[in-house]
Amino acid sequence: MTASLGNDDATTERRTRFRLRRPSAVAEFERRVEDLRVFYRVAGDEVQIVLIGRKRGNRIVIDGKELVL
């Protein structure tokens, strides 16, 4: 599976890449890659990855802790 944020417009929404539905101080967008979740924001032409977590059931776990966005 190929996962990319840099090859095209990272703000273009797709089934696995979309703007967060609830406002967050951490990130604007989420990218799904299998059971990984990549949270990022876009500043100009730069993509800033702020968090990478693993989906477990209906939770996202980062460094052994549950994430609440």
Protein backbone atom coordinates (compact mmCIF):
# COMPACT_ATOMS: atom_id res chain seq x y z
CA MET A 1 0.00 0.00 0.00
CA THR A 2 1.30 3.44 -0.87
CA ALA A 3 0.64 6.25 1.59
CA SER A 4 1.49 9.77 0.56
CA LEU A 5 0.84 13.30 1.72
CA GLY A 6 3.53 15.06 -0.29
CA ASN A 7 2.79 13.95 -3.86
CA ASP A 8 -0.50 15.82 -4.22
CA ASP A 9 -2.58 18.37 -2.36
CA ALA A 10 -2.71 17.15 1.27
CA THR A 11 -5.96 19.10 1.78
CA THR A 12 -7.83 17.19 -0.94
CA GLU A 13 -10.26 14.93 0.89
CA ARG A 14 -10.44 11.26 0.03
CA ARG A 15 -11.85 8.20 1.73
CA THR A 16 -8.65 7.73 3.77
CA ARG A 17 -7.65 11.41 4.09
CA PHE A 18 -9.99 14.06 5.42
CA ARG A 19 -10.43 17.18 7.55
CA LEU A 20 -11.27 16.42 11.19
CA ARG A 21 -14.98 16.80 11.90
CA ARG A 22 -14.42 18.32 15.34
CA PRO A 23 -12.11 21.31 15.79
CA SER A 24 -8.77 20.35 17.34
CA ALA A 25 -5.85 22.44 18.59
CA VAL A 26 -3.56 19.57 17.58
CA ALA A 27 -4.32 18.86 13.92
CA GLU A 28 -6.58 19.74 11.00
CA PHE A 29 -6.50 16.50 9.01
CA GLU A 30 -6.36 12.74 9.49
CA ARG A 31 -4.78 10.19 7.14
CA ARG A 32 -5.62 6.49 7.57
CA VAL A 33 -3.06 3.86 6.63
CA GLU A 34 -4.27 0.39 7.64
CA ASP A 35 -4.48 0.59 11.48
CA LEU A 36 -2.30 3.72 11.71
CA ARG A 37 -3.72 7.22 12.02
CA VAL A 38 -1.60 10.20 10.98
CA PHE A 39 -2.77 13.59 12.22
CA TYR A 40 -1.38 16.62 10.44
CA ARG A 41 -1.88 20.26 9.56
CA VAL A 42 -0.98 22.19 6.43
CA ALA A 43 0.89 25.50 6.60
CA GLY A 44 1.33 27.02 3.15
CA ASP A 45 2.95 24.31 1.03
CA GLU A 46 4.29 22.40 4.06
CA VAL A 47 2.65 19.36 5.66
CA GLN A 48 3.35 19.17 9.41
CA ILE A 49 2.75 15.73 10.90
CA VAL A 50 1.89 16.21 14.57
CA LEU A 51 0.79 12.76 15.79
CA ILE A 52 0.92 9.15 14.64
CA GLY A 53 -1.20 6.61 16.48
CA ARG A 54 -2.60 3.12 16.15
CA LYS A 55 -6.33 2.42 15.94
CA ARG A 56 -7.51 -0.15 18.49
CA GLY A 57 -11.25 -0.75 18.44
CA ASN A 58 -12.82 2.68 18.69
CA ARG A 59 -9.74 4.26 20.34
CA ILE A 60 -6.51 5.75 19.07
CA VAL A 61 -3.46 4.81 21.10
CA ILE A 62 -0.24 6.82 21.04
CA ASP A 63 2.72 5.67 23.12
CA GLY A 64 0.44 3.40 25.17
CA LYS A 65 -2.02 6.20 26.02
CA GLU A 66 -5.49 6.80 24.64
CA LEU A 67 -5.76 9.97 22.55
CA VAL A 68 -8.66 12.37 22.88
CA LEU A 69 -8.75 14.94 20.10
